[in-house]
Protein backbone atom coordinates (compact mmCIF):
# COMPACT_ATOMS: atom_id res chain seq x y z
CA MET A 1 28.02 12.45 108.68
CA LYS A 2 28.51 9.94 105.88
CA GLN A 3 25.78 9.26 103.34
CA SER A 4 24.56 5.66 103.19
CA VAL A 5 24.98 3.33 100.23
CA VAL A 6 23.53 -0.16 99.84
CA ILE A 7 25.37 -2.65 97.62
CA VAL A 8 23.25 -5.60 96.54
CA LYS A 9 24.87 -8.65 94.98
CA VAL A 10 22.45 -11.01 93.28
CA GLY A 11 23.20 -14.45 91.87
CA GLY A 12 22.82 -15.33 88.23
CA LYS A 13 19.87 -17.67 88.75
CA ILE A 14 17.76 -14.78 90.04
CA VAL A 15 18.64 -12.26 87.32
CA GLU A 16 18.22 -14.84 84.56
CA GLU A 17 14.53 -15.58 85.28
CA PRO A 18 12.10 -12.79 84.25
CA ASP A 19 9.75 -13.24 87.23
CA THR A 20 12.42 -13.32 89.93
CA LEU A 21 14.32 -10.48 88.26
CA ALA A 22 11.20 -8.30 88.18
CA ARG A 23 10.52 -8.92 91.87
CA LEU A 24 14.14 -8.22 92.79
CA LEU A 25 14.27 -4.95 90.85
CA GLU A 26 11.03 -3.72 92.40
CA ASP A 27 12.50 -4.35 95.86
CA PHE A 28 15.84 -2.84 94.83
CA LYS A 29 14.07 0.29 93.60
CA SER A 30 12.42 0.70 97.01
CA ILE A 31 15.79 0.89 98.81
CA PRO A 32 16.20 4.54 99.81
CA GLY A 33 19.24 6.59 98.89
CA TYR A 34 22.37 5.55 97.03
CA LYS A 35 22.60 1.98 95.77
CA ILE A 36 24.67 -0.31 93.56
CA LEU A 37 23.69 -3.64 92.00
CA VAL A 38 26.28 -6.37 91.32
CA HIS A 39 25.13 -9.38 89.29
CA GLY A 40 26.26 -12.80 88.16
CA GLY A 41 25.04 -14.75 85.14
CA GLY A 42 26.76 -18.11 85.16
CA ARG A 43 23.84 -20.19 83.92
CA SER A 44 23.35 -17.90 80.93
CA ALA A 45 27.06 -18.12 80.13
CA THR A 46 26.96 -21.91 80.30
CA ALA A 47 23.87 -22.03 78.06
CA MET A 48 25.41 -19.65 75.52
CA ALA A 49 28.66 -21.62 75.49
CA ALA A 50 26.71 -24.82 74.77
CA ARG A 51 24.91 -23.13 71.87
CA LEU A 52 28.30 -22.13 70.47
CA GLY A 53 29.79 -25.59 70.98
CA ILE A 54 32.16 -24.44 73.72
CA GLU A 55 32.73 -26.73 76.69
CA SER A 56 32.15 -25.30 80.18
CA ARG A 57 34.66 -26.54 82.74
CA MET A 58 34.29 -25.98 86.47
CA VAL A 59 36.57 -26.82 89.40
CA ASP A 60 35.01 -26.60 92.89
CA GLY A 61 32.28 -24.38 91.50
CA ARG A 62 34.72 -21.98 89.84
CA ARG A 63 34.73 -21.53 86.08
CA ILE A 64 37.83 -22.26 84.02
CA THR A 65 38.00 -19.29 81.63
CA ASP A 66 40.01 -20.08 78.52
CA ARG A 67 40.01 -17.62 75.62
CA ASP A 68 36.82 -19.00 74.03
CA MET A 69 35.00 -18.94 77.35
CA LEU A 70 36.26 -15.41 78.00
CA ASP A 71 34.54 -14.30 74.79
CA VAL A 72 31.32 -15.92 76.02
CA VAL A 73 31.33 -14.41 79.52
CA THR A 74 32.23 -10.99 78.13
CA MET A 75 29.23 -11.15 75.78
CA VAL A 76 26.85 -12.55 78.37
CA TYR A 77 27.90 -10.73 81.56
CA GLY A 78 28.84 -7.37 80.06
CA GLY A 79 26.13 -7.45 77.38
CA LEU A 80 23.06 -9.63 77.62
CA VAL A 81 22.56 -9.86 81.38
CA ASN A 82 23.89 -6.43 82.29
CA LYS A 83 21.92 -4.48 79.69
CA ASN A 84 18.68 -6.35 80.42
CA ILE A 85 19.01 -5.27 84.06
CA VAL A 86 19.87 -1.68 83.12
CA ALA A 87 16.90 -1.44 80.75
CA SER A 88 14.59 -2.88 83.40
CA LEU A 89 15.82 -0.35 85.98
CA GLN A 90 15.33 2.50 83.51
CA ALA A 91 11.75 1.29 83.01
CA ARG A 92 11.28 1.62 86.78
CA GLY A 93 12.52 5.20 86.86
CA LEU A 94 16.06 4.52 88.08
CA ASN A 95 18.83 6.08 85.99
CA ALA A 96 21.19 3.10 85.84
CA ILE A 97 24.49 2.60 84.04
CA GLY A 98 25.95 -0.83 83.28
CA LEU A 99 29.67 -1.22 83.85
CA THR A 100 32.44 -3.75 83.49
CA GLY A 101 35.63 -3.13 85.41
CA ALA A 102 37.14 -1.60 82.26
CA ASP A 103 34.46 1.11 81.98
CA GLY A 104 35.65 4.22 83.76
CA ASN A 105 38.57 2.10 84.99
CA VAL A 106 36.19 0.91 87.72
CA MET A 107 38.12 -2.19 88.71
CA LEU A 108 41.66 -3.34 87.99
CA SER A 109 42.68 -6.96 88.51
CA ASP A 110 45.71 -9.18 88.20
CA LYS A 111 45.42 -12.41 86.24
CA ARG A 112 45.32 -15.21 88.78
CA PRO A 113 48.70 -16.99 88.93
CA VAL A 114 48.81 -20.66 88.05
CA LYS A 115 49.27 -22.87 91.09
CA ASP A 116 47.56 -26.25 91.33
CA ILE A 117 44.92 -25.15 88.79
CA ASP A 118 45.12 -22.88 85.78
CA TYR A 119 41.88 -20.88 85.90
CA GLY A 120 42.77 -19.06 82.70
CA PHE A 121 41.60 -15.47 82.26
CA VAL A 122 40.38 -14.96 85.82
CA GLY A 123 41.15 -11.79 87.73
CA ASP A 124 41.95 -11.11 91.38
CA VAL A 125 40.95 -7.54 92.23
CA ARG A 126 43.79 -5.10 92.82
CA GLN A 127 42.11 -1.69 92.82
CA VAL A 128 38.62 -0.13 92.76
CA ASN A 129 37.99 3.36 91.41
CA ALA A 130 35.96 4.57 94.39
CA PRO A 131 36.01 8.29 93.40
CA PHE A 132 34.43 7.46 90.03
CA LEU A 133 31.70 5.31 91.60
CA SER A 134 31.12 8.00 94.23
CA SER A 135 30.67 10.64 91.54
CA LEU A 136 28.05 8.50 89.78
CA LEU A 137 26.15 7.96 93.01
CA GLU A 138 26.22 11.66 93.83
CA GLN A 139 24.73 12.40 90.38
CA GLY A 140 21.83 10.07 91.13
CA VAL A 141 23.09 7.29 88.85
CA VAL A 142 22.79 3.63 89.88
CA PRO A 143 25.87 1.59 88.86
CA VAL A 144 25.13 -1.99 87.73
CA LEU A 145 28.39 -3.94 87.91
CA SER A 146 29.01 -7.07 85.86
CA PRO A 147 31.57 -9.70 86.98
CA LEU A 148 34.27 -8.57 84.55
CA THR A 149 37.43 -6.60 85.34
CA HIS A 150 40.58 -5.65 83.40
CA ASP A 151 44.32 -5.66 83.96
CA GLY A 152 45.07 -2.16 82.65
CA LYS A 153 46.96 -3.63 79.69
CA GLY A 154 43.98 -4.36 77.47
CA GLN A 155 42.96 -7.73 78.91
CA ILE A 156 39.41 -8.39 80.17
CA LEU A 157 39.28 -10.86 83.09
CA ASN A 158 36.42 -12.94 84.50
CA THR A 159 36.01 -12.12 88.21
CA ASN A 160 33.79 -13.63 90.90
CA ALA A 161 30.71 -11.45 91.49
CA ASP A 162 30.81 -11.95 95.28
CA THR A 163 34.37 -10.63 95.23
CA ILE A 164 33.38 -7.65 93.09
CA ALA A 165 30.63 -6.76 95.57
CA GLY A 166 32.94 -7.15 98.55
CA GLU A 167 35.79 -5.15 97.01
CA THR A 168 33.39 -2.38 95.96
CA ALA A 169 32.02 -2.22 99.51
CA LYS A 170 35.52 -2.04 101.00
CA ALA A 171 36.61 0.70 98.59
CA LEU A 172 33.55 2.85 99.32
CA ALA A 173 33.72 2.42 103.11
CA PRO A 174 35.93 5.52 103.65
CA TYR A 175 33.38 7.65 101.78
CA PHE A 176 30.01 6.17 102.79
CA LYS A 177 28.23 4.16 105.44
CA VAL A 178 28.10 0.92 103.44
CA THR A 179 25.60 -1.93 103.77
CA LEU A 180 26.48 -5.04 101.73
CA ILE A 181 23.69 -7.52 100.94
CA TYR A 182 24.33 -10.88 99.30
CA CYS A 183 21.11 -12.25 97.76
CA PHE A 184 20.69 -15.84 96.63
CA GLU A 185 18.04 -18.58 96.51
CA LYS A 186 17.98 -19.44 100.22
CA PRO A 187 16.65 -17.27 103.08
CA GLY A 188 20.10 -17.02 104.69
CA VAL A 189 22.88 -19.26 105.98
CA LEU A 190 21.20 -22.48 107.09
CA MET A 191 21.98 -24.92 109.89
CA ASP A 192 20.40 -27.59 107.65
CA GLU A 193 20.64 -26.97 103.91
CA ASN A 194 17.42 -28.95 103.42
CA ASP A 195 15.43 -26.86 105.89
CA ASP A 196 14.72 -23.28 104.86
CA ASN A 197 13.44 -22.58 108.36
CA SER A 198 16.86 -23.24 109.93
CA VAL A 199 18.32 -19.80 109.20
CA ILE A 200 21.26 -18.76 111.39
CA PRO A 201 20.21 -15.19 112.24
CA TYR A 202 23.62 -14.02 113.46
CA LEU A 203 26.99 -15.42 112.40
CA SER A 204 30.17 -14.21 114.06
CA TYR A 205 33.80 -14.49 113.05
CA TYR A 206 34.33 -16.87 115.97
CA ASP A 207 31.44 -19.19 115.05
CA PHE A 208 32.53 -19.54 111.44
CA PRO A 209 35.47 -22.02 111.74
CA ARG A 210 33.42 -24.35 113.92
CA LEU A 211 30.49 -24.38 111.49
CA VAL A 212 32.85 -25.07 108.57
CA GLU A 213 34.52 -27.90 110.50
CA GLN A 214 31.09 -29.41 111.24
CA GLY A 215 30.15 -29.22 107.57
CA ILE A 216 27.22 -26.90 108.24
CA ILE A 217 28.82 -24.20 106.07
CA SER A 218 30.42 -25.58 102.92
CA GLY A 219 30.97 -25.09 99.21
CA GLY A 220 30.40 -21.66 97.72
CA MET A 221 29.05 -20.29 100.99
CA ILE A 222 32.57 -20.36 102.49
CA PRO A 223 34.14 -17.74 100.18
CA LYS A 224 30.95 -15.66 100.36
CA ILE A 225 31.24 -15.42 104.15
CA GLN A 226 35.00 -14.88 103.94
CA ASN A 227 34.31 -11.91 101.65
CA ALA A 228 31.78 -10.65 104.19
CA PHE A 229 34.30 -10.76 107.05
CA ALA A 230 36.93 -9.02 104.92
CA ALA A 231 34.43 -6.26 104.11
CA LEU A 232 33.60 -5.72 107.79
CA GLN A 233 37.29 -5.63 108.70
CA ALA A 234 37.77 -2.91 106.05
CA GLY A 235 35.11 -0.68 107.59
CA VAL A 236 31.87 -1.79 105.93
CA SER A 237 29.04 -1.11 108.39
CA SER A 238 26.95 -4.25 107.95
CA VAL A 239 26.70 -7.40 105.84
CA LEU A 240 23.55 -9.47 105.30
CA ILE A 241 23.08 -12.77 103.48
CA THR A 242 19.46 -13.24 102.48
CA GLN A 243 16.97 -14.45 99.91
CA ALA A 244 16.27 -12.20 96.94
CA GLN A 245 12.56 -12.34 97.75
CA ALA A 246 13.32 -10.97 101.24
CA LEU A 247 15.26 -7.92 100.09
CA ASP A 248 12.38 -5.66 101.12
CA LYS A 249 12.30 -7.18 104.63
CA LEU A 250 16.09 -7.39 105.22
CA THR A 251 15.75 -10.68 107.08
CA GLY A 252 18.37 -13.42 106.82
CA THR A 253 21.83 -13.92 108.31
CA THR A 254 23.70 -10.93 109.69
CA ILE A 255 27.48 -11.36 109.52
CA ALA A 256 29.49 -9.84 112.38
CA LEU A 257 33.08 -9.74 113.59
């Protein structure tokens, strides 16, 4: 029988505020068994870039990562945000290790090809080192993954944190019973984005196109749910989209094929 592992992806806004981070980490600590935390940090990167006089450019919510911005996100994601989380987990008795995709060759990516938009130094995941992550988990170590990967040729690449969580879940599915939880500011996928009580409790693969067409699901929620479906198709046991403050209750939107 496979051991269980829970992968929690948490948005930058939550990990960048001391109060919400503390609450999240307390709830994360209470999750039994093996676990992995994947984090963002976009607001901190934007703030640091502004302090350094570097312009932040976004297209459809996705960051354009030129060489100057790559330096910023490497410092912020792999350093400031990641190590604050690791230190906070250590203070709570969890032996955590902070990783970029380059550390332990955890995650290899290919630089995104230029089509309509040149995203710069952005990586599309090619391979996840599941045996290495498995060995850490089996030693009682909690991996904390930042949204940075590498191409195997010395180049760090900025990579979407939702994608990192999804690809990690898919890679570990042959070894573990994997639960993937996406945490953000809302209590789940909403029928009405202005009504936090309108959570869709169960979202199937067949409902999804209709809800996108109706404009109920839009923006950054679309790729998040697409990642969820891809994870389920690759053997991940369950995917939940929920509010960080509800991590201890596991309420929200369950994604299903």
